[in-house]
Amino acid sequence: MPASKQLLITGVSSGFGRALAQEALAAGHRVVGTVRSAQAADAFQALAPGRARARLLDVTDTAAIAPTVDAIEAAHGPIDVLVNNAGYGHEGILEESPLEQMRQQFEVNVFGAVAMIQAVLPHMRARRAGHILNITSMGGFITMPGIAYYCGSKFALEGIGEVLGKEVAALGIHVTSVAPGSFRTDWAGRSMVRTPRSIGDYDALFDPIRQRRQEVSGRQLGDPRKAAQAMLAVIDSHAPPAHLLLGSDALQLVRDKLTALERELTQWEALTVSTDG
């Protein structure tokens, strides 16, 4: 049986964070979860008194992150695994979406995650051990109209995680980007921020996409509990992957993207190499 570990998971009130916390606790691990209200903290700690511990933290309050991590290490011992799960989706045509909504999307999905990483790294580096999981998305590989800010944030986190993995590989620290496809979480429900429509030129393209997303919300193919079990398998691995897709839809869409990219590279290869020398 794998050794018990302590996981620090951001955003454990719902979605993947909640599912992973529950499966980790069931497997005998200890979990510190971040929440944003005292009520959510009480509900989380009730899952497994003594092994489920909550900390009030908003990941956009970056000044509070390092003191919180240091306090967790001092009170509860080493953080073996950081799971950057806190995040949300923004939906809106780019021309219609205020820049402030992009800034907020990146504050949560990117800057908050990086601040968490910077806070745990000194501890992990000192121990020459640790694992960082960044929950990204298939939207960090493939794109679709209407989620430019979300995809941008997830592309950014994928790139940052890949670089980080190369920087810490010799220090005994693993980094895995976990990219789910469509799952039965609240991502497309109340958690999603939607910019109001205003430009009719985009109606034919985007209205069917928005309608379809709302129709399937809660009935997607992916099971969050099975996603959590897959993440635990990665955490228990001695040689975890740098990238892990979750869901057959993500696998197919990313493979299609790679095929299309290879086709385009080949089509324009002569022009590409014409710039040498």
Protein backbone atom coordinates (compact mmCIF):
# COMPACT_ATOMS: atom_id res chain seq x y z
CA MET A 1 0.00 0.00 0.00
CA PRO A 2 1.39 3.48 -0.90
CA ALA A 3 2.69 5.56 1.99
CA SER A 4 0.41 8.17 3.48
CA LYS A 5 1.13 11.67 2.21
CA GLN A 6 -0.03 15.17 3.04
CA LEU A 7 -1.72 16.98 0.17
CA LEU A 8 -2.38 20.70 0.00
CA ILE A 9 -5.29 21.22 -2.41
CA THR A 10 -6.59 24.66 -3.34
CA GLY A 11 -10.33 25.02 -3.77
CA VAL A 12 -11.78 21.93 -2.05
CA SER A 13 -15.37 23.15 -1.74
CA SER A 14 -16.49 21.61 -5.03
CA GLY A 15 -15.46 20.06 -8.33
CA PHE A 16 -12.15 18.29 -8.81
CA GLY A 17 -10.76 19.69 -5.58
CA ARG A 18 -13.55 18.18 -3.51
CA ALA A 19 -13.44 14.86 -5.38
CA LEU A 20 -9.67 14.54 -5.02
CA ALA A 21 -9.79 15.44 -1.34
CA GLN A 22 -12.45 12.80 -0.67
CA GLU A 23 -10.60 10.07 -2.58
CA ALA A 24 -7.28 10.99 -0.96
CA LEU A 25 -8.82 10.83 2.50
CA ALA A 26 -10.42 7.48 1.67
CA ALA A 27 -7.00 6.20 0.60
CA GLY A 28 -5.49 7.14 3.96
CA HIS A 29 -3.80 10.40 3.01
CA ARG A 30 -4.03 13.67 4.94
CA VAL A 31 -5.42 16.73 3.19
CA VAL A 32 -5.16 20.42 3.88
CA GLY A 33 -7.73 22.18 1.70
CA THR A 34 -8.16 25.86 1.04
CA VAL A 35 -11.65 27.34 1.22
CA ARG A 36 -13.04 30.87 1.23
CA SER A 37 -15.55 30.76 4.10
CA ALA A 38 -15.72 29.50 7.67
CA GLN A 39 -18.81 27.46 6.80
CA ALA A 40 -16.95 25.69 3.99
CA ALA A 41 -14.04 25.07 6.36
CA ASP A 42 -16.29 23.34 8.91
CA ALA A 43 -17.94 21.22 6.22
CA PHE A 44 -14.58 20.12 4.83
CA GLN A 45 -13.05 19.22 8.19
CA ALA A 46 -16.11 17.14 9.01
CA LEU A 47 -15.20 14.77 6.16
CA ALA A 48 -12.39 13.23 8.23
CA PRO A 49 -11.74 14.91 11.58
CA GLY A 50 -8.02 15.11 12.26
CA ARG A 51 -7.00 14.25 8.68
CA ALA A 52 -9.01 16.87 6.77
CA ARG A 53 -7.87 20.36 7.69
CA ALA A 54 -9.13 23.58 6.16
CA ARG A 55 -7.39 26.91 5.70
CA LEU A 56 -9.13 30.12 4.71
CA LEU A 57 -7.36 31.43 1.62
CA ASP A 58 -8.22 33.27 -1.56
CA VAL A 59 -5.45 32.51 -4.06
CA THR A 60 -5.71 36.04 -5.47
CA ASP A 61 -4.49 37.31 -2.08
CA THR A 62 -0.93 36.42 -3.00
CA ALA A 63 0.56 38.15 0.06
CA ALA A 64 -1.25 35.65 2.30
CA ILE A 65 -0.08 32.53 0.47
CA ALA A 66 3.49 32.07 1.75
CA PRO A 67 2.53 32.70 5.43
CA THR A 68 -0.31 30.19 5.06
CA VAL A 69 1.98 27.53 3.58
CA ASP A 70 4.61 28.14 6.25
CA ALA A 71 1.95 27.82 8.97
CA ILE A 72 0.71 24.52 7.49
CA GLU A 73 4.25 23.11 7.44
CA ALA A 74 4.83 24.22 11.03
CA ALA A 75 1.52 22.92 12.37
CA HIS A 76 0.95 19.76 10.35
CA GLY A 77 4.27 18.72 8.86
CA PRO A 78 5.64 18.46 5.33
CA ILE A 79 3.47 19.19 2.32
CA ASP A 80 4.25 16.25 0.06
CA VAL A 81 1.93 17.24 -2.76
CA LEU A 82 0.60 20.62 -3.87
CA VAL A 83 -2.49 20.48 -6.08
CA ASN A 84 -3.27 23.78 -7.79
CA ASN A 85 -6.97 23.22 -8.39
CA ALA A 86 -8.54 26.61 -7.62
CA GLY A 87 -9.80 28.16 -10.82
CA TYR A 88 -12.85 29.01 -12.87
CA GLY A 89 -13.96 29.41 -16.46
CA HIS A 90 -14.70 32.62 -18.32
CA GLU A 91 -16.93 32.45 -21.38
CA GLY A 92 -17.20 35.32 -23.84
CA ILE A 93 -16.35 36.41 -27.34
CA LEU A 94 -12.97 38.17 -27.18
CA GLU A 95 -14.15 41.44 -28.76
CA GLU A 96 -16.99 41.65 -26.26
CA SER A 97 -15.03 40.70 -23.12
CA PRO A 98 -13.50 43.48 -21.01
CA LEU A 99 -9.78 43.26 -20.31
CA GLU A 100 -10.56 43.33 -16.59
CA GLN A 101 -12.21 39.93 -16.96
CA MET A 102 -9.03 38.60 -18.56
CA ARG A 103 -6.94 40.02 -15.72
CA GLN A 104 -9.17 38.32 -13.15
CA GLN A 105 -9.05 35.04 -15.08
CA PHE A 106 -5.26 35.11 -14.99
CA GLU A 107 -5.13 36.28 -11.36
CA VAL A 108 -6.92 33.12 -10.24
CA ASN A 109 -5.86 30.52 -12.80
CA VAL A 110 -2.23 31.56 -13.29
CA PHE A 111 -0.88 34.04 -10.75
CA GLY A 112 -2.55 32.30 -7.82
CA ALA A 113 -1.14 28.95 -8.90
CA VAL A 114 2.37 30.34 -9.38
CA ALA A 115 2.27 32.02 -5.98
CA MET A 116 1.33 28.68 -4.40
CA ILE A 117 4.23 27.00 -6.21
CA GLN A 118 6.69 29.65 -5.04
CA ALA A 119 5.49 29.19 -1.46
CA VAL A 120 5.93 25.39 -1.34
CA LEU A 121 9.17 25.15 -3.32
CA PRO A 122 11.57 26.22 -0.54
CA HIS A 123 10.20 23.45 1.68
CA MET A 124 10.20 20.80 -1.06
CA ARG A 125 13.65 21.85 -2.24
CA ALA A 126 15.07 21.56 1.27
CA ARG A 127 13.71 18.01 1.52
CA ARG A 128 14.65 17.14 -2.08
CA ALA A 129 11.14 15.72 -2.44
CA GLY A 130 7.71 16.83 -3.54
CA HIS A 131 5.12 16.74 -6.29
CA ILE A 132 3.21 19.65 -7.81
CA LEU A 133 0.01 18.98 -9.74
CA ASN A 134 -1.44 21.82 -11.77
CA ILE A 135 -5.03 21.23 -12.87
CA THR A 136 -5.09 22.73 -16.35
CA SER A 137 -7.56 21.67 -19.06
CA MET A 138 -7.78 20.23 -22.53
CA GLY A 139 -8.30 23.96 -23.17
CA GLY A 140 -4.58 24.28 -22.49
CA PHE A 141 -3.99 22.33 -25.71
CA ILE A 142 -7.04 22.85 -27.92
CA THR A 143 -9.23 25.91 -28.40
CA MET A 144 -12.80 26.76 -29.26
CA PRO A 145 -14.62 30.04 -29.87
CA GLY A 146 -15.82 31.87 -26.79
CA ILE A 147 -13.26 30.87 -24.17
CA ALA A 148 -10.17 32.81 -25.26
CA TYR A 149 -9.32 34.09 -21.76
CA TYR A 150 -9.79 30.65 -20.20
CA CYS A 151 -7.73 28.86 -22.84
CA GLY A 152 -5.08 31.56 -22.59
CA SER A 153 -4.79 31.00 -18.84
CA LYS A 154 -4.55 27.24 -19.23
CA PHE A 155 -2.03 27.45 -22.08
CA ALA A 156 0.02 29.69 -19.77
CA LEU A 157 -0.17 27.24 -16.86
CA GLU A 158 0.79 24.34 -19.12
CA GLY A 159 3.88 26.21 -20.31
CA ILE A 160 4.86 27.37 -16.83
CA GLY A 161 4.48 23.85 -15.43
CA GLU A 162 6.59 22.36 -18.21
CA VAL A 163 9.42 24.82 -17.61
CA LEU A 164 9.17 24.34 -13.84
CA GLY A 165 9.45 20.57 -14.25
CA LYS A 166 12.79 21.03 -16.04
CA GLU A 167 14.03 23.45 -13.38
CA VAL A 168 13.30 21.17 -10.40
CA ALA A 169 13.84 17.71 -11.90
CA ALA A 170 17.32 17.40 -10.37
CA LEU A 171 15.98 18.48 -6.96
CA GLY A 172 13.71 15.48 -6.45
CA ILE A 173 10.53 17.42 -7.26
CA HIS A 174 8.00 16.26 -9.86
CA VAL A 175 5.60 18.51 -11.77
CA THR A 176 2.52 17.19 -13.56
CA SER A 177 -0.02 19.17 -15.56
CA VAL A 178 -3.38 17.39 -15.37
CA ALA A 179 -5.63 18.37 -18.28
CA PRO A 180 -9.25 17.19 -17.94
CA GLY A 181 -11.75 17.08 -20.76
CA SER A 182 -15.48 17.50 -20.08
CA PHE A 183 -16.42 16.33 -16.58
CA ARG A 184 -19.51 16.50 -14.41
CA THR A 185 -18.27 19.43 -12.34
CA ASP A 186 -19.78 22.90 -12.02
CA TRP A 187 -17.26 24.44 -14.46
CA ALA A 188 -19.97 25.24 -17.03
CA GLY A 189 -22.64 25.91 -14.41
CA ARG A 190 -22.77 28.52 -11.66
CA SER A 191 -18.96 28.68 -11.47
CA MET A 192 -18.61 30.08 -14.99
CA VAL A 193 -18.42 33.82 -15.55
CA ARG A 194 -20.24 34.76 -18.75
CA THR A 195 -19.83 38.03 -20.61
CA PRO A 196 -23.15 39.32 -22.02
CA ARG A 197 -23.53 39.13 -25.79
CA SER A 198 -23.66 42.39 -27.73
CA ILE A 199 -22.29 41.99 -31.29
CA GLY A 200 -24.63 40.23 -33.70
CA ASP A 201 -21.87 39.26 -36.13
CA TYR A 202 -20.86 36.47 -33.74
CA ASP A 203 -24.34 35.02 -33.13
CA ALA A 204 -24.22 32.29 -35.76
CA LEU A 205 -20.84 31.06 -34.56
CA PHE A 206 -21.21 31.28 -30.82
CA ASP A 207 -24.87 30.97 -29.83
CA PRO A 208 -25.00 27.22 -30.62
CA ILE A 209 -21.79 26.67 -28.63
CA ARG A 210 -23.15 28.47 -25.57
CA GLN A 211 -26.50 26.68 -25.81
CA ARG A 212 -24.85 23.27 -26.14
CA ARG A 213 -22.55 23.91 -23.18
CA GLN A 214 -25.47 24.85 -20.96
CA GLU A 215 -27.52 21.86 -22.11
CA VAL A 216 -24.85 19.28 -21.26
CA SER A 217 -23.73 20.87 -17.99
CA GLY A 218 -23.93 18.18 -15.31
CA ARG A 219 -24.26 15.39 -17.88
CA GLN A 220 -20.73 15.33 -19.29
CA LEU A 221 -18.92 12.06 -19.94
CA GLY A 222 -16.25 12.44 -17.29
CA ASP A 223 -16.67 11.19 -13.71
CA PRO A 224 -14.86 13.47 -11.18
CA ARG A 225 -14.36 10.55 -8.79
CA LYS A 226 -12.52 8.57 -11.47
CA ALA A 227 -10.47 11.67 -12.28
CA ALA A 228 -9.50 11.87 -8.62
CA GLN A 229 -8.45 8.22 -8.62
CA ALA A 230 -6.32 8.84 -11.72
CA MET A 231 -4.62 11.76 -9.99
CA LEU A 232 -3.90 9.59 -6.94
CA ALA A 233 -2.27 7.03 -9.25
CA VAL A 234 -0.01 9.78 -10.61
CA ILE A 235 0.81 10.96 -7.09
CA ASP A 236 1.79 7.41 -6.14
CA SER A 237 4.00 7.00 -9.22
CA HIS A 238 7.78 7.11 -8.88
CA ALA A 239 8.07 8.49 -12.42
CA PRO A 240 4.96 10.63 -13.01
CA PRO A 241 4.25 12.21 -16.40
CA ALA A 242 4.77 15.87 -17.19
CA HIS A 243 1.35 15.91 -18.86
CA LEU A 244 -1.72 13.80 -18.14
CA LEU A 245 -4.91 14.13 -20.14
CA LEU A 246 -8.11 12.94 -18.46
CA GLY A 247 -11.02 11.71 -20.56
CA SER A 248 -11.43 10.12 -23.97
CA ASP A 249 -12.74 13.41 -25.37
CA ALA A 250 -9.58 15.25 -24.33
CA LEU A 251 -7.42 12.51 -25.84
CA GLN A 252 -9.22 12.60 -29.18
CA LEU A 253 -9.34 16.39 -29.43
CA VAL A 254 -5.67 16.82 -28.56
CA ARG A 255 -4.65 14.10 -31.03
CA ASP A 256 -6.72 15.85 -33.71
CA LYS A 257 -4.96 19.13 -32.87
CA LEU A 258 -1.52 17.51 -33.16
CA THR A 259 -2.45 15.96 -36.50
CA ALA A 260 -3.67 19.29 -37.84
CA LEU A 261 -0.56 21.03 -36.55
CA GLU A 262 1.74 18.51 -38.23
CA ARG A 263 -0.19 18.95 -41.47
CA GLU A 264 0.20 22.73 -41.30
CA LEU A 265 3.91 22.52 -40.44
CA THR A 266 4.47 20.31 -43.46
CA GLN A 267 2.40 22.54 -45.75
CA TRP A 268 4.45 25.62 -44.84
CA GLU A 269 7.81 23.89 -44.29
CA ALA A 270 9.53 25.45 -47.33
CA LEU A 271 8.67 28.97 -46.18
CA THR A 272 9.65 28.14 -42.61
CA VAL A 273 13.17 27.01 -43.48
CA SER A 274 13.65 29.75 -46.09
CA THR A 275 14.61 32.18 -43.33
CA ASP A 276 17.81 30.32 -42.36
CA GLY A 277 21.23 31.70 -43.20
